[in-house]
Amino acid sequence: QQHDSSYRMMANQTVICYLITIALLSSNVLLTAQALATPAARRKAARKAKKSSSNGGFARKPRPAAAAIAAPQTQQPTTNNAQYDAQDEVAKRAVSSLFSVCAHIQDPKLYQPKWADACVQQNSESGDGSPKIGAVMANRDVARGQVLTLFPIHALGLRMLRQNSDDEALKDTEFVAYDQDADGELFTTSEKAGLRLKLNIPLDKSQPAHSILGNKKRHVLSSMFLPEKQPKPGWLGGRMKAASSQYSESNCITVPLPGAAPLCAVVATKDVKEGEEIIQAMQPLKPSVMDELKGSVAKEYRRELATLQMYIEAACETVQPSSSPSDSSSGQQQQQQQQLGPFHQLNQQYPGLKRIHQDPDIYSIDNFLTNEECDRLIAKSQPHLVPCLVKNDKTGIAEQDPVRTSTNTNVPQSEVPSIVEKMTNVANCCADQLEILQVLNYKKGQEFIPHTDGFSGKFDACGFEQASRQVTIFCYLNDVAEGGSTNFPEIGLAIQPKKGTAVIHFPADLELREDTRTLHQGAPAVDEKWLLTTWVWNRPRSDEMYAESRLPPLSSGDII
């Protein structure tokens, strides 16, 4: 009852302020207030609701498009339906995966954005004893261009534009990924239906999510904020008042986080003093001003953004690029009917290299890293560990279980040149072909569920463009007496972690066909496990956003 009163008070005090539209200019974020569907439409949606891989989601006919979203002007032939359907399915998987990651990021048990916790919401009791939702106030001085708070994502929507037509199959549709267990009633029950604050998220090529949403002209990504939800520290976006005749002086605006959209931040547009009320801008800012603010955020929060970008990249890696249904089916049949290969050639003269399994070939190297290198790498990485996301092979969604999740950190090549030299030597590749190095830590009960490391065909991810993973290299950094083995269930191979030992296998062949026989898992840890991992791609890393120079240092004074 108290919760219901809270959101009703929230609606009474702030809904009017949200009935605004900020035009989508350059990288500006569009804010619109959208009421939930009518009870009849909601009941219809509930009947059609299907639990998605993100534990919720449904497709429905949307309300009329906002003015800032241009409706298609040219008719597409009906023969494009299959192509549209294929693009839409890939895009829906991408949205489901992105939402799953964003939901985990907002779990305070897994991630606390203290760097974005610069404001609080003042609450008090009204005369009848019910909670009164107050203003959002700065709890410390914040300079222009700094982050005040993050914008919560309670659902992610995908609008799929087709054309105006009497043909139901050609009408625009909307797919929404949400947590059905926690928030299902907010989408399907009229009694608890508040307003949804929707943000259309522009994605340029600097955003990892840009590459997985399919047709950029047809797919519009948006996040949804539900005021009924309890606020969380660091996630107060959408709860502040908007500039109006009463609050004419705004001091912030919402922008997509550089490299981490659909996550957005509320950024100060002027210096804000402690105790000052936070007022959201009503009018769009000039593109040059927006670029300046985004640049300030990217510079000020380089390390924090690198962490969030890693989460988003994990979601992107689980989504394969779009292809036509015929291409997909024929490709699968072809892979089943013919022998895979050839594969990337290792340096067979590398000291200690031995093949431990044939067809698929898996190699190991004892003492690939020295004891000192292992110990120093663990010490270097330990202070920077963050929750690690995994790919669920059944759903294709990047997920994280609070009870069974490892942690990891990125390692700049400049801090481990001797290790990079060993990797490029054994793998017959250049340093630019190595994916960003990662150190992973598994504590008791944590595991990496069965997964493969590759995909069939070319795709854009992790700074590589139109490329594919060819080689997996991982190295154990400590001895593990019990648990934590690396198991390849398709071939009946299990490898027990041994300090300094490297393992090498091939997730795809030179024709960019995935080898599903390399399905593997990190078994639940009993003793703590540490390992270093990377992947060799068939082309150099080319996206400047993923340049080694952009990685935050771990401990630059300690070069291994």
Protein backbone atom coordinates (compact mmCIF):
# COMPACT_ATOMS: atom_id res chain seq x y z
CA GLN A 1 0.00 0.00 0.00
CA GLN A 2 2.83 2.36 0.85
CA HIS A 3 4.49 1.55 -2.49
CA ASP A 4 1.25 2.22 -4.39
CA SER A 5 0.91 5.58 -2.61
CA SER A 6 4.50 6.40 -3.49
CA TYR A 7 4.09 5.98 -7.20
CA ARG A 8 0.73 7.78 -7.22
CA MET A 9 2.34 10.74 -5.48
CA MET A 10 5.20 10.52 -7.94
CA ALA A 11 2.75 10.62 -10.81
CA ASN A 12 0.85 13.58 -9.36
CA GLN A 13 3.97 15.66 -8.83
CA THR A 14 6.12 14.84 -11.82
CA VAL A 15 4.04 13.44 -14.69
CA ILE A 16 3.14 16.91 -15.96
CA CYS A 17 6.82 17.79 -16.06
CA TYR A 18 7.50 14.75 -18.22
CA LEU A 19 4.91 15.62 -20.85
CA ILE A 20 7.59 17.27 -22.94
CA THR A 21 9.51 16.44 -26.06
CA ILE A 22 13.20 17.20 -26.46
CA ALA A 23 13.97 17.03 -30.17
CA LEU A 24 16.48 14.46 -31.30
CA LEU A 25 19.25 16.66 -32.70
CA SER A 26 22.64 15.11 -33.31
CA SER A 27 23.28 13.03 -30.19
CA ASN A 28 20.52 14.58 -28.06
CA VAL A 29 18.22 12.14 -26.30
CA LEU A 30 14.51 12.30 -27.03
CA LEU A 31 12.30 12.22 -23.93
CA THR A 32 8.59 11.58 -24.27
CA ALA A 33 5.94 10.49 -21.79
CA GLN A 34 3.94 7.56 -23.10
CA ALA A 35 0.91 6.18 -21.29
CA LEU A 36 0.51 2.45 -21.13
CA ALA A 37 -1.92 0.87 -23.53
CA THR A 38 -5.65 0.78 -22.81
CA PRO A 39 -6.86 -2.05 -20.52
CA ALA A 40 -8.24 -3.92 -23.53
CA ALA A 41 -4.98 -3.60 -25.41
CA ARG A 42 -3.09 -4.55 -22.30
CA ARG A 43 -5.16 -7.71 -21.83
CA LYS A 44 -4.55 -8.54 -25.49
CA ALA A 45 -0.81 -8.01 -25.00
CA ALA A 46 -0.89 -10.21 -21.92
CA ARG A 47 -2.52 -13.03 -23.87
CA LYS A 48 0.20 -12.74 -26.50
CA ALA A 49 3.03 -12.24 -24.02
CA LYS A 50 5.89 -14.67 -24.37
CA LYS A 51 8.67 -14.84 -21.87
CA SER A 52 11.80 -13.77 -23.69
CA SER A 53 15.36 -14.83 -23.02
CA SER A 54 15.70 -11.74 -20.85
CA ASN A 55 12.93 -13.15 -18.63
CA GLY A 56 10.23 -11.01 -20.20
CA GLY A 57 9.19 -9.32 -23.39
CA PHE A 58 6.36 -8.96 -25.84
CA ALA A 59 5.66 -7.63 -29.30
CA ARG A 60 2.74 -5.32 -29.82
CA LYS A 61 1.38 -2.62 -32.09
CA PRO A 62 2.78 0.67 -30.80
CA ARG A 63 1.12 3.98 -30.31
CA PRO A 64 1.56 6.48 -33.18
CA ALA A 65 5.22 7.30 -33.75
CA ALA A 66 6.62 10.40 -32.10
CA ALA A 67 7.13 13.30 -34.45
CA ALA A 68 10.89 12.97 -34.25
CA ILE A 69 10.71 9.45 -35.72
CA ALA A 70 10.09 9.76 -39.41
CA ALA A 71 7.73 7.23 -40.91
CA PRO A 72 9.02 5.45 -44.04
CA GLN A 73 8.04 7.34 -47.15
CA THR A 74 8.58 4.64 -49.72
CA GLN A 75 6.72 1.38 -49.98
CA GLN A 76 8.69 -1.82 -49.79
CA PRO A 77 7.62 -4.81 -51.80
CA THR A 78 5.99 -7.68 -49.97
CA THR A 79 8.94 -9.88 -50.96
CA ASN A 80 11.00 -8.02 -48.35
CA ASN A 81 8.96 -9.56 -45.53
CA ALA A 82 11.36 -12.47 -45.02
CA GLN A 83 14.34 -10.12 -44.99
CA TYR A 84 12.58 -7.82 -42.52
CA ASP A 85 11.68 -10.77 -40.30
CA ALA A 86 15.29 -11.99 -40.24
CA GLN A 87 16.60 -8.52 -39.40
CA ASP A 88 13.97 -8.09 -36.71
CA GLU A 89 14.77 -11.40 -35.04
CA VAL A 90 18.46 -10.53 -34.78
CA ALA A 91 17.62 -7.06 -33.47
CA LYS A 92 15.24 -8.50 -30.86
CA ARG A 93 17.92 -10.89 -29.64
CA ALA A 94 20.27 -7.91 -29.40
CA VAL A 95 17.76 -5.90 -27.35
CA SER A 96 17.10 -8.87 -25.05
CA SER A 97 20.82 -9.34 -24.48
CA LEU A 98 21.40 -5.63 -23.87
CA PHE A 99 18.53 -5.46 -21.39
CA SER A 100 19.80 -8.51 -19.52
CA VAL A 101 23.18 -6.82 -19.09
CA CYS A 102 21.67 -3.45 -18.11
CA ALA A 103 19.45 -5.13 -15.52
CA HIS A 104 22.48 -6.74 -13.91
CA ILE A 105 24.42 -3.49 -13.91
CA GLN A 106 21.58 -1.89 -11.93
CA ASP A 107 21.73 -4.58 -9.23
CA PRO A 108 23.48 -2.85 -6.29
CA LYS A 109 24.83 -6.22 -5.15
CA LEU A 110 26.83 -6.41 -8.37
CA TYR A 111 27.63 -2.81 -9.26
CA GLN A 112 27.44 0.48 -7.37
CA PRO A 113 28.06 3.62 -9.45
CA LYS A 114 29.42 5.77 -6.63
CA TRP A 115 31.01 8.00 -9.27
CA ALA A 116 27.48 8.89 -10.44
CA ASP A 117 25.91 9.30 -7.00
CA ALA A 118 26.02 13.11 -6.84
CA CYS A 119 22.37 13.71 -5.97
CA VAL A 120 19.63 12.42 -3.68
CA GLN A 121 15.85 12.54 -3.68
CA GLN A 122 14.35 14.26 -0.66
CA ASN A 123 11.37 12.38 0.77
CA SER A 124 9.07 13.39 3.59
CA GLU A 125 5.72 12.48 5.12
CA SER A 126 2.52 14.19 4.02
CA GLY A 127 -0.27 15.10 6.40
CA ASP A 128 -1.94 11.70 6.11
CA GLY A 129 1.32 9.87 6.84
CA SER A 130 1.89 8.71 3.27
CA PRO A 131 5.34 9.26 1.74
CA LYS A 132 5.81 12.49 -0.17
CA ILE A 133 8.23 12.35 -3.08
CA GLY A 134 10.40 15.44 -3.10
CA ALA A 135 12.93 17.17 -5.30
CA VAL A 136 16.23 15.74 -6.47
CA MET A 137 19.07 17.71 -4.85
CA ALA A 138 22.82 17.77 -5.36
CA ASN A 139 24.65 16.24 -2.40
CA ARG A 140 28.01 17.72 -3.42
CA ASP A 141 29.42 20.34 -5.77
CA VAL A 142 29.39 19.17 -9.39
CA ALA A 143 31.23 20.95 -12.20
CA ARG A 144 29.86 21.46 -15.69
CA GLY A 145 30.33 18.31 -17.76
CA GLN A 146 30.36 15.99 -14.75
CA VAL A 147 27.81 13.22 -14.15
CA LEU A 148 25.07 13.82 -11.59
CA THR A 149 23.42 10.41 -11.82
CA LEU A 150 22.62 7.61 -14.28
CA PHE A 151 19.32 7.01 -16.02
CA PRO A 152 17.69 3.70 -14.98
CA ILE A 153 16.63 1.21 -17.64
CA HIS A 154 13.54 -0.71 -16.50
CA ALA A 155 12.82 -2.00 -20.02
CA LEU A 156 14.30 -1.74 -23.49
CA GLY A 157 12.09 -1.22 -26.50
CA LEU A 158 12.75 -1.87 -30.18
CA ARG A 159 10.54 -0.11 -32.69
CA MET A 160 10.62 -1.88 -36.05
CA LEU A 161 9.59 0.49 -38.82
CA ARG A 162 8.02 -0.96 -41.93
CA GLN A 163 5.43 1.03 -43.82
CA ASN A 164 1.91 2.41 -43.59
CA SER A 165 -0.29 -0.30 -44.99
CA ASP A 166 -3.57 -2.09 -44.47
CA ASP A 167 -1.56 -5.30 -44.44
CA GLU A 168 -1.07 -6.25 -40.78
CA ALA A 169 2.22 -7.98 -41.66
CA LEU A 170 3.67 -4.69 -42.91
CA LYS A 171 2.73 -2.43 -40.00
CA ASP A 172 5.26 -1.05 -37.56
CA THR A 173 5.67 -3.15 -34.41
CA GLU A 174 7.40 -2.75 -31.08
CA PHE A 175 9.27 -5.35 -29.05
CA VAL A 176 9.84 -4.70 -25.35
CA ALA A 177 12.30 -6.63 -23.18
CA TYR A 178 11.62 -6.39 -19.46
CA ASP A 179 11.78 -8.44 -16.27
CA GLN A 180 8.49 -10.30 -16.38
CA ASP A 181 8.87 -11.71 -12.88
CA ALA A 182 9.52 -8.33 -11.25
CA ASP A 183 7.65 -5.93 -13.53
CA GLY A 184 5.13 -7.98 -15.49
CA GLU A 185 2.16 -6.39 -13.75
CA LEU A 186 3.38 -2.91 -14.66
CA PHE A 187 3.07 -3.84 -18.33
CA THR A 188 -0.07 -5.97 -18.29
CA THR A 189 -2.22 -4.86 -15.34
CA SER A 190 -4.21 -1.66 -15.64
CA GLU A 191 -4.52 -1.13 -11.88
CA LYS A 192 -0.76 -0.51 -11.55
CA ALA A 193 -0.12 1.10 -14.89
CA GLY A 194 1.73 4.37 -14.42
CA LEU A 195 3.44 6.39 -17.09
CA ARG A 196 6.53 5.18 -18.87
CA LEU A 197 9.20 7.72 -19.59
CA LYS A 198 10.72 6.67 -22.89
CA LEU A 199 14.15 7.71 -24.14
CA ASN A 200 15.04 7.10 -27.77
CA ILE A 201 18.73 6.16 -27.78
CA PRO A 202 20.78 7.33 -30.79
CA LEU A 203 23.59 4.91 -31.65
CA ASP A 204 26.52 6.08 -33.74
CA LYS A 205 29.43 3.92 -34.87
CA SER A 206 31.38 4.69 -31.68
CA GLN A 207 28.83 2.65 -29.69
CA PRO A 208 29.37 -1.15 -29.54
CA ALA A 209 25.60 -1.68 -29.69
CA HIS A 210 25.52 0.05 -33.10
CA SER A 211 26.73 -3.10 -34.86
CA ILE A 212 24.08 -5.53 -33.58
CA LEU A 213 20.77 -3.77 -34.13
CA GLY A 214 20.43 -4.79 -37.76
CA ASN A 215 18.91 -2.22 -40.11
CA LYS A 216 19.75 1.21 -38.68
CA LYS A 217 17.07 2.90 -40.81
CA ARG A 218 14.32 0.62 -39.54
CA HIS A 219 15.24 -0.11 -35.94
CA VAL A 220 14.80 2.50 -33.20
CA LEU A 221 16.11 1.65 -29.74
CA SER A 222 14.53 3.15 -26.63
CA SER A 223 14.78 2.67 -22.89
CA MET A 224 11.84 2.91 -20.50
CA PHE A 225 11.72 4.35 -17.00
CA LEU A 226 8.98 3.29 -14.60
CA PRO A 227 8.42 5.83 -11.79
CA GLU A 228 6.68 3.10 -9.79
CA LYS A 229 10.02 1.38 -9.27
CA GLN A 230 11.96 2.09 -6.09
CA PRO A 231 14.86 4.51 -6.70
CA LYS A 232 18.42 3.22 -6.37
CA PRO A 233 21.49 5.28 -5.46
CA GLY A 234 23.25 6.43 -8.58
CA TRP A 235 20.19 5.79 -10.77
CA LEU A 236 17.94 8.83 -10.20
CA GLY A 237 17.53 9.90 -13.82
CA GLY A 238 13.90 10.65 -14.71
CA ARG A 239 12.98 11.65 -11.15
CA MET A 240 14.01 15.30 -11.26
CA LYS A 241 11.72 18.11 -12.36
CA ALA A 242 11.92 19.40 -15.91
CA ALA A 243 12.42 23.05 -16.80
CA SER A 244 9.13 24.95 -17.21
CA SER A 245 7.72 28.41 -16.55
CA GLN A 246 8.04 27.60 -12.84
CA TYR A 247 11.50 26.03 -13.18
CA SER A 248 12.97 27.97 -16.07
CA GLU A 249 16.63 27.49 -15.16
CA SER A 250 17.79 23.97 -15.97
CA ASN A 251 21.18 22.68 -14.94
CA CYS A 252 21.42 19.23 -16.56
CA ILE A 253 20.60 17.14 -19.62
CA THR A 254 20.51 13.42 -20.39
CA VAL A 255 23.11 12.03 -22.80
CA PRO A 256 24.08 8.50 -23.93
CA LEU A 257 27.25 7.36 -22.18
CA PRO A 258 30.18 7.30 -24.63
CA GLY A 259 30.83 3.69 -25.62
CA ALA A 260 28.18 2.32 -23.24
CA ALA A 261 24.74 3.14 -24.74
CA PRO A 262 21.91 2.35 -24.13
CA LEU A 263 23.13 3.46 -20.70
CA CYS A 264 22.62 7.20 -20.27
CA ALA A 265 23.77 9.77 -17.73
CA VAL A 266 22.33 13.01 -16.41
CA VAL A 267 25.16 15.51 -16.99
CA ALA A 268 25.51 18.98 -15.46
CA THR A 269 25.24 21.74 -18.07
CA LYS A 270 26.55 24.31 -15.58
CA ASP A 271 28.31 24.25 -12.22
CA VAL A 272 25.94 22.86 -9.56
CA LYS A 273 26.37 23.64 -5.87
CA GLU A 274 25.69 21.24 -3.01
CA GLY A 275 22.03 21.56 -1.96
CA GLU A 276 20.93 22.93 -5.35
CA GLU A 277 17.86 21.33 -6.95
CA ILE A 278 18.48 19.33 -10.13
CA ILE A 279 16.34 20.57 -13.03
CA GLN A 280 16.30 18.71 -16.37
CA ALA A 281 16.70 20.83 -19.54
CA MET A 282 13.55 21.13 -21.62
CA GLN A 283 15.09 22.46 -24.82
CA PRO A 284 17.70 20.59 -26.88
CA LEU A 285 21.26 21.83 -26.79
CA LYS A 286 23.33 22.66 -29.82
CA PRO A 287 25.19 19.67 -31.28
CA SER A 288 28.51 21.37 -30.54
CA VAL A 289 27.54 21.76 -26.88
CA MET A 290 26.43 18.14 -26.68
CA ASP A 291 29.72 17.01 -28.20
CA GLU A 292 31.58 19.11 -25.65
CA LEU A 293 29.64 17.54 -22.76
CA LYS A 294 30.15 14.02 -24.07
CA GLY A 295 33.84 14.74 -24.46
CA SER A 296 34.02 15.93 -20.87
CA VAL A 297 32.29 12.77 -19.66
CA ALA A 298 34.60 10.53 -21.73
CA LYS A 299 37.69 12.25 -20.31
CA GLU A 300 36.55 12.55 -16.69
CA TYR A 301 35.20 9.01 -16.33
CA ARG A 302 37.55 7.05 -18.56
CA ARG A 303 37.99 4.13 -16.17
CA GLU A 304 34.31 3.95 -15.21
CA LEU A 305 33.19 4.01 -18.84
CA ALA A 306 35.69 1.28 -19.72
CA THR A 307 34.01 -0.95 -17.14
CA LEU A 308 30.51 -0.26 -18.45
CA GLN A 309 31.65 -0.65 -22.05
CA MET A 310 32.96 -4.08 -21.17
CA TYR A 311 29.47 -5.06 -20.00
CA ILE A 312 27.88 -3.80 -23.22
CA GLU A 313 30.49 -5.55 -25.34
CA ALA A 314 29.68 -8.80 -23.55
CA ALA A 315 26.06 -8.40 -24.61
CA CYS A 316 27.07 -7.61 -28.19
CA GLU A 317 29.29 -10.68 -28.43
CA THR A 318 26.30 -12.97 -27.84
CA VAL A 319 24.43 -11.71 -30.94
CA GLN A 320 25.35 -12.99 -34.37
CA PRO A 321 25.11 -10.67 -37.40
CA SER A 322 21.96 -10.71 -39.47
CA SER A 323 21.69 -12.95 -42.49
CA SER A 324 18.87 -14.09 -44.70
CA PRO A 325 17.00 -17.22 -43.62
CA SER A 326 18.14 -19.07 -46.71
CA ASP A 327 21.77 -18.15 -46.13
CA SER A 328 21.53 -19.22 -42.49
CA SER A 329 19.93 -22.59 -43.16
CA SER A 330 22.18 -23.41 -46.10
CA GLY A 331 25.22 -22.38 -44.08
CA GLN A 332 24.25 -24.71 -41.24
CA GLN A 333 23.64 -27.59 -43.62
CA GLN A 334 26.95 -26.95 -45.35
CA GLN A 335 28.82 -26.99 -42.04
CA GLN A 336 27.19 -30.27 -41.07
CA GLN A 337 27.94 -31.91 -44.41
CA GLN A 338 31.57 -30.97 -44.91
CA GLN A 339 34.77 -31.24 -42.93
CA LEU A 340 35.85 -28.09 -41.13
CA GLY A 341 39.26 -26.64 -41.83
CA PRO A 342 41.88 -25.58 -42.48
CA PHE A 343 42.51 -23.79 -39.18
CA HIS A 344 44.92 -21.06 -38.13
CA GLN A 345 48.50 -22.36 -38.02
CA LEU A 346 50.40 -22.16 -34.74
CA ASN A 347 54.16 -21.94 -34.43
CA GLN A 348 54.86 -25.64 -34.11
CA GLN A 349 58.43 -24.89 -33.04
CA TYR A 350 57.35 -23.06 -29.92
CA PRO A 351 59.04 -24.66 -26.87
CA GLY A 352 56.76 -27.04 -24.97
CA LEU A 353 53.84 -26.92 -27.43
CA LYS A 354 52.01 -30.25 -27.41
CA ARG A 355 48.72 -31.43 -28.85
CA ILE A 356 46.46 -32.93 -26.18
CA HIS A 357 43.50 -33.63 -28.50
CA GLN A 358 43.14 -34.17 -32.24
CA ASP A 359 40.12 -33.19 -34.35
CA PRO A 360 39.39 -30.72 -32.94
CA ASP A 361 42.98 -29.85 -32.18
CA ILE A 362 43.66 -28.57 -28.67
CA TYR A 363 47.16 -27.68 -27.49
CA SER A 364 48.78 -26.96 -24.15
CA ILE A 365 52.11 -25.48 -23.04
CA ASP A 366 53.41 -26.10 -19.54
CA ASN A 367 55.23 -23.17 -17.93
CA PHE A 368 54.06 -20.81 -20.66
CA LEU A 369 54.13 -18.14 -17.93
CA THR A 370 56.64 -18.17 -15.11
CA ASN A 371 55.54 -18.28 -11.48
CA GLU A 372 56.68 -14.66 -11.10
CA GLU A 373 54.66 -13.52 -14.13
CA CYS A 374 51.55 -15.26 -12.76
CA ASP A 375 51.92 -13.77 -9.28
CA ARG A 376 52.58 -10.24 -10.53
CA LEU A 377 49.67 -10.40 -12.97
CA ILE A 378 47.29 -11.43 -10.18
CA ALA A 379 48.57 -8.65 -7.92
CA LYS A 380 48.26 -6.12 -10.74
CA SER A 381 44.69 -7.14 -11.60
CA GLN A 382 43.14 -7.82 -8.19
CA PRO A 383 42.28 -4.19 -7.25
CA HIS A 384 40.44 -3.66 -10.54
CA LEU A 385 38.16 -6.72 -10.73
CA VAL A 386 34.52 -6.16 -11.72
CA PRO A 387 31.61 -8.60 -12.17
CA CYS A 388 31.98 -10.76 -15.27
CA LEU A 389 29.16 -11.54 -17.69
CA VAL A 390 28.69 -14.87 -19.42
CA LYS A 391 26.96 -16.15 -22.54
CA ASN A 392 24.07 -18.56 -21.97
CA ASP A 393 24.35 -21.04 -24.82
CA LYS A 394 20.64 -21.88 -24.68
CA THR A 395 19.35 -18.31 -24.85
CA GLY A 396 22.26 -16.50 -26.49
CA ILE A 397 21.93 -13.80 -23.84
CA ALA A 398 24.74 -12.34 -21.77
CA GLU A 399 23.75 -13.15 -18.19
CA GLN A 400 25.15 -13.02 -14.71
CA ASP A 401 24.02 -14.97 -11.68
CA PRO A 402 24.76 -13.15 -8.40
CA VAL A 403 25.66 -16.48 -6.78
CA ARG A 404 27.67 -17.93 -9.64
CA THR A 405 29.60 -15.17 -11.37
CA SER A 406 33.29 -14.58 -11.88
CA THR A 407 35.03 -11.22 -11.94
CA ASN A 408 37.53 -9.86 -14.45
CA THR A 409 39.54 -6.87 -15.61
CA ASN A 410 41.12 -5.71 -18.86
CA VAL A 411 44.92 -5.71 -19.08
CA PRO A 412 46.73 -3.20 -21.35
CA GLN A 413 49.36 -4.81 -23.55
CA SER A 414 51.79 -2.06 -22.60
CA GLU A 415 51.89 -3.41 -19.05
CA VAL A 416 52.60 -7.05 -20.06
CA PRO A 417 54.89 -6.82 -23.13
CA SER A 418 56.71 -10.09 -22.36
CA ILE A 419 53.42 -11.99 -22.21
CA VAL A 420 52.19 -10.38 -25.45
CA GLU A 421 55.42 -11.44 -27.14
CA LYS A 422 54.88 -15.04 -26.07
CA MET A 423 51.30 -15.03 -27.32
CA THR A 424 52.09 -13.55 -30.72
CA ASN A 425 55.05 -15.93 -31.10
CA VAL A 426 53.08 -19.13 -30.46
CA ALA A 427 49.99 -17.90 -32.35
CA ASN A 428 51.86 -16.60 -35.44
CA CYS A 429 50.06 -13.27 -35.29
CA CYS A 430 50.67 -9.59 -34.62
CA ALA A 431 49.72 -7.84 -31.38
CA ASP A 432 46.86 -5.97 -33.11
CA GLN A 433 45.15 -9.30 -33.79
CA LEU A 434 44.84 -10.00 -30.06
CA GLU A 435 41.57 -9.12 -28.39
CA ILE A 436 41.96 -7.03 -25.24
CA LEU A 437 43.60 -9.25 -22.63
CA GLN A 438 41.47 -10.21 -19.63
CA VAL A 439 42.29 -11.62 -16.21
CA LEU A 440 39.45 -13.62 -14.65
CA ASN A 441 38.97 -14.68 -11.04
CA TYR A 442 36.66 -17.48 -9.88
CA LYS A 443 35.86 -17.92 -6.21
CA LYS A 444 34.10 -20.87 -4.63
CA GLY A 445 30.90 -21.78 -6.49
CA GLN A 446 31.59 -19.50 -9.46
CA GLU A 447 31.68 -20.94 -12.96
CA PHE A 448 31.55 -20.20 -16.67
CA ILE A 449 28.60 -22.08 -18.14
CA PRO A 450 29.03 -24.09 -21.41
CA HIS A 451 29.74 -21.74 -24.31
CA THR A 452 31.64 -21.40 -27.55
CA ASP A 453 34.05 -18.59 -28.33
CA GLY A 454 33.33 -18.14 -32.04
CA PHE A 455 30.61 -17.42 -34.58
CA SER A 456 30.13 -18.34 -38.20
CA GLY A 457 30.82 -15.50 -40.61
CA LYS A 458 32.11 -11.97 -40.23
CA PHE A 459 30.90 -9.56 -37.57
CA ASP A 460 31.88 -6.37 -35.73
CA ALA A 461 32.80 -6.68 -32.06
CA CYS A 462 35.53 -5.83 -29.55
CA GLY A 463 37.17 -3.36 -31.91
CA PHE A 464 37.35 -5.74 -34.87
CA GLU A 465 35.35 -5.03 -38.01
CA GLN A 466 34.02 -7.66 -40.42
CA ALA A 467 36.24 -10.26 -38.79
CA SER A 468 36.07 -13.42 -36.70
CA ARG A 469 37.85 -15.14 -33.84
CA GLN A 470 40.30 -17.82 -34.98
CA VAL A 471 42.21 -18.86 -31.85
CA THR A 472 41.47 -18.98 -28.12
CA ILE A 473 44.42 -18.69 -25.72
CA PHE A 474 44.04 -18.91 -21.97
CA CYS A 475 46.58 -19.48 -19.23
CA TYR A 476 46.08 -20.61 -15.64
CA LEU A 477 47.67 -18.24 -13.13
CA ASN A 478 47.49 -20.52 -10.10
CA ASP A 479 47.28 -24.19 -9.17
CA VAL A 480 43.75 -25.38 -8.38
CA ALA A 481 43.57 -28.56 -6.32
CA GLU A 482 39.81 -29.02 -6.45
CA GLY A 483 37.14 -27.81 -8.91
CA GLY A 484 37.54 -25.20 -11.61
CA SER A 485 38.50 -27.57 -14.43
CA THR A 486 38.02 -26.58 -18.06
CA ASN A 487 35.72 -29.17 -19.62
CA PHE A 488 35.03 -29.82 -23.32
CA PRO A 489 31.83 -31.93 -23.07
CA GLU A 490 31.53 -32.61 -26.82
CA ILE A 491 34.87 -34.45 -26.89
CA GLY A 492 35.10 -35.69 -23.28
CA LEU A 493 38.18 -33.67 -22.36
CA ALA A 494 38.79 -32.11 -18.94
CA ILE A 495 41.83 -29.97 -18.05
CA GLN A 496 42.74 -29.29 -14.44
CA PRO A 497 44.26 -25.80 -13.87
CA LYS A 498 48.03 -25.81 -13.40
CA LYS A 499 49.93 -22.61 -12.71
CA GLY A 500 51.60 -21.21 -15.84
CA THR A 501 49.99 -23.69 -18.26
CA ALA A 502 48.45 -22.30 -21.46
CA VAL A 503 45.64 -23.96 -23.42
CA ILE A 504 44.96 -23.18 -27.10
CA HIS A 505 42.02 -24.19 -29.29
CA PHE A 506 40.29 -22.96 -32.45
CA PRO A 507 36.69 -21.64 -32.24
CA ALA A 508 36.38 -21.28 -36.04
CA ASP A 509 38.28 -22.30 -39.17
CA LEU A 510 39.85 -20.06 -41.81
CA GLU A 511 36.57 -20.07 -43.76
CA LEU A 512 34.96 -18.44 -40.68
CA ARG A 513 32.83 -21.45 -39.83
CA GLU A 514 32.26 -22.03 -36.12
CA ASP A 515 33.50 -25.32 -34.67
CA THR A 516 30.83 -26.21 -32.13
CA ARG A 517 32.92 -29.17 -30.96
CA THR A 518 34.95 -26.66 -28.95
CA LEU A 519 32.01 -26.04 -26.62
CA HIS A 520 33.59 -25.71 -23.18
CA GLN A 521 32.88 -24.62 -19.63
CA GLY A 522 34.69 -23.51 -16.51
CA ALA A 523 33.47 -25.98 -13.91
CA PRO A 524 32.36 -24.59 -10.52
CA ALA A 525 35.34 -23.53 -8.46
CA VAL A 526 36.03 -25.10 -5.08
CA ASP A 527 39.45 -23.56 -4.68
CA GLU A 528 40.00 -20.05 -6.06
CA LYS A 529 41.02 -19.92 -9.73
CA TRP A 530 42.83 -17.22 -11.73
CA LEU A 531 43.43 -17.18 -15.47
CA LEU A 532 44.49 -14.91 -18.32
CA THR A 533 42.62 -15.11 -21.62
CA THR A 534 42.52 -13.57 -25.09
CA TRP A 535 41.46 -14.43 -28.65
CA VAL A 536 43.26 -14.11 -31.98
CA TRP A 537 41.22 -12.60 -34.81
CA ASN A 538 41.80 -12.98 -38.53
CA ARG A 539 42.22 -9.22 -38.94
CA PRO A 540 43.86 -6.49 -36.83
CA ARG A 541 41.82 -4.49 -34.33
CA SER A 542 40.80 -1.34 -36.19
CA ASP A 543 38.16 0.53 -34.20
CA GLU A 544 39.83 3.45 -32.43
CA MET A 545 37.36 3.18 -29.56
CA TYR A 546 39.07 -0.10 -28.62
CA ALA A 547 42.64 1.13 -29.01
CA GLU A 548 45.10 -0.05 -26.37
CA SER A 549 45.88 3.59 -25.60
CA ARG A 550 42.31 4.09 -24.37
CA LEU A 551 42.51 1.34 -21.73
CA PRO A 552 42.84 2.62 -18.17
CA PRO A 553 46.15 1.60 -16.60
CA LEU A 554 46.27 -1.02 -13.86
CA SER A 555 49.70 -0.30 -12.38
CA SER A 556 51.90 1.31 -15.00
CA GLY A 557 54.94 1.16 -12.73
CA ASP A 558 54.95 -2.65 -12.81
CA ILE A 559 55.78 -3.86 -16.32
CA ILE A 560 55.74 -7.62 -16.82
